[in-house]
Amino acid sequence: KFILTKYTIYVTNQRMYIVGSNSRESVFRILEIDLTNPNTLTIMEDNVYFTRNEIMEVLNGIEDSSEGGLTKKLTAVGLLGFIKFTKHYYLLVVTRRKEVAVLGSHEIYHIDETELIPVTNNLKVPEKKSTEARLVQTFLNIDLNKTFYFSYSYDLTNSLQTNMIRNKRQSLRMNGKTELSMVFEFNERFMWNCALLEPVFQCFDKVYDWFQPIIHGFIDQVKMSVFQIQVYITLIARRSHRFAGARFFKRGVNDDGDVANEVETEQIVCDMLTSSFHDPTAGFYNNSRYTSFVQHRGSIPLSWSQETAPNIRMTKPPIEMNVIDPFYTKAALHFNNLFERYGTPIQVLNLIKQREKTPRETKLLDAFNNCVEYLNQFLPKEKKLDYVSWDMSRAAKSRTQDVIKWLEKYSEETLTKTGFFHNGKTISDTKLQEGVCRTNCVDCLDRTNTAQFVIGKRALGHQLHALGIIEEKYLEYDSDVTNILTEMFHDHGDTIALQYGGSHLVNTLQTYRKINQWSSHSRDIIESVKRFYSNSFVDAQRQEAINLFLGNYVFASDKPMLWELNTDYYLHNRKNISELNGSNSYTHWYNDSYLVNRKESLKSLWETTIQNKYIMELQERGLLVVKIDPYVGCFENYWNIKYGSRNFVSLNELFEFKMNST
């Protein structure tokens, strides 16, 4: 398996050639694209590997045989997919990247610059007011140079737990799959360029040999030293592309159970005694120095909205309940999906207000309480949704309540119930996180981020304790490690707030710790004004760009233009009302297989896989360690990926040396 990291694009009168190479530029492959038929995307890939001399001969041959010769167009570091508007296809490529994290020796990059390349040999610049030009400009309004990430060799769309268990199972032949392309099952929910890759899948199979899935959200990594031990803390926020959009345009839940502003936040803690996921004694994917903890945020899963009329500008539009569903079918789909992804228990922390002079958030409170009560009556006793509703805003204003103290207590209870992932040297001693904490307020921004920080801080103490780095599980506030985690979650919250609400966080951890500086109130006012401006003037354009980029809107000559739509409701909900008739039972709304204890299920599968009981006995007694062998094509030589032989590498310029640290 050779990982392609560089793509040189050449064109002739009739063809586009993409020459991909590995980091050492010792192995090359060619992708050929037909330019003569703009209406159809034709891609040819013969799966042949070339040496440097061989690829030069091939390119020279193409140049000699092509009328007009062979022209180099550009060099890219990533391929994201194709899109077509009214005329021909365009190829979206990454031209600049920046390393932002490293996990198990896998480098993770932020996209710094992209380019949209027309796939045609008859290019005519569209008129400024033409539909083609307007669609192109709308597409480019998605700023791919901010908070989009990818990796050549690590699956960012899944959690560390999913990735490690999948690789362990594959190495032990427990998946029943042999081809590498079947092993890497990317989570489509968090893959923002899945619509761009659809035309590619129709042309050839080995799409991910060439194209990189991208996620949208936030990634940060810091290094801290604890008694001379180097510890990496990595924060990854994955934003779902389903029911995605700007704050007042996307509220609640759609017909498929997908909620607005859905973000999965993963906190990975590891020490650098061994940087790889592999262990030199226990085998591949058995490094026991990796831990992770996952949290979830998302809008309240009911049908509600906050409409902003063009002629009326207000910072807090009234909340309206759109559909009253006594069976809560959309919420049932949402929670069933959480069961599928995370298992049980599902901790639901609802932070909206419980008392208001003019009912606003309280409209949602009663409805959400009734929703959970209805759904819980059909679940087994030990699998019920663990629902807690707490007015965080009121508690913050009270002189008798301590917000942080309450959240600390809740966080410890959550960690006790769900646990966290701790990779083991075997499948049997690997600890899984079962269940997740789902936090929400109205926007799922300010209050939610503070709650997630406190839960993450508590989890960090457990993770460091599990790694044997600290003796106590509790971390003090204002310590170096807590301060650096505070900074990470502040940046994390700001980024999510900018993506969804159009401004930074209004209320931060300092607000709820009641240690705000004198200037904080003016800052809060400024951020509120920014959100108002964004909601009033920018969000509509942003929503159009998102709908176009994600493939929710596809141009058709017999349909209204994107900017002519009065609402995008039908772009995010089921097209045919008859599809609703196939929904699950109103009482047995969950899938029984999703409620199974995952640890026991995995252990049972492991025991049935090992044929020799004697080997199992020796392993349990610690007399034998069953190594996990690498499956065919699982990775390229580590040094080939990390250090390019043709590049000058200065240790002081490596990402690990420049990383933010204590």
Foldseek 3Di string as FASTA:
>chain_A
DAFWFKWWWKDALFKIWIWTAHLQQAKIFIKIWTAADFVATAIDGPPDIDGPVRVVVVQVVQQVPTVVGMGTDAMFRFWQFWDDAPTGIKTKTQRDWDFADAAQLWTKIQGQDMDIHTRHSDDDDDDCPDPVNVLVVLQPVPPSNPQKMWTRFDQLQDDPVVLLVLQQCVLLCLVVDFDPLVSDDGDLQFFQSPVRCVSVVVHDPPSSSHHIGMGGADWHKAWEAFPNWIKIKIKDKGWTLAQEAAQQQAAAFFPQLDFYLKIKIKIKMFIVPPRHCADPPLAHNAPQRIWMAIAIEGHLRAQKGFDDDLVDFDLGGAIDRDDDDLLSQSNLSNVQVLLQRFADDAEEEEAEACDDPDDGQVVVVVVSVSNLVNQQVQDPPVRRHNYDYHHLVVLLPDPPHQSLVVLLVVLVVQCVGQPIWGRHSHLLPTDHGHYHYYYYYRRCAAVVLLSVLSSVQLVVLVSCVSSVSDVGSHDDPPDPVSVVSLVVSQVSRQRSCCSHQVGGHLHGNCSSNVNDDPCSNVVSVVRSVRSSCCVNPPRVSRRLNSCSSSVLDHDDPPDDDSVPDPGSSCSNHPVDPVVSVPADDSRCSHDPVSNDDPSVVSVVSVVVSDPDVVQVVCVVVVNDRDYRYRRPPSDDPSCSNNDHPPDDDDPCPDCVNVHHYD
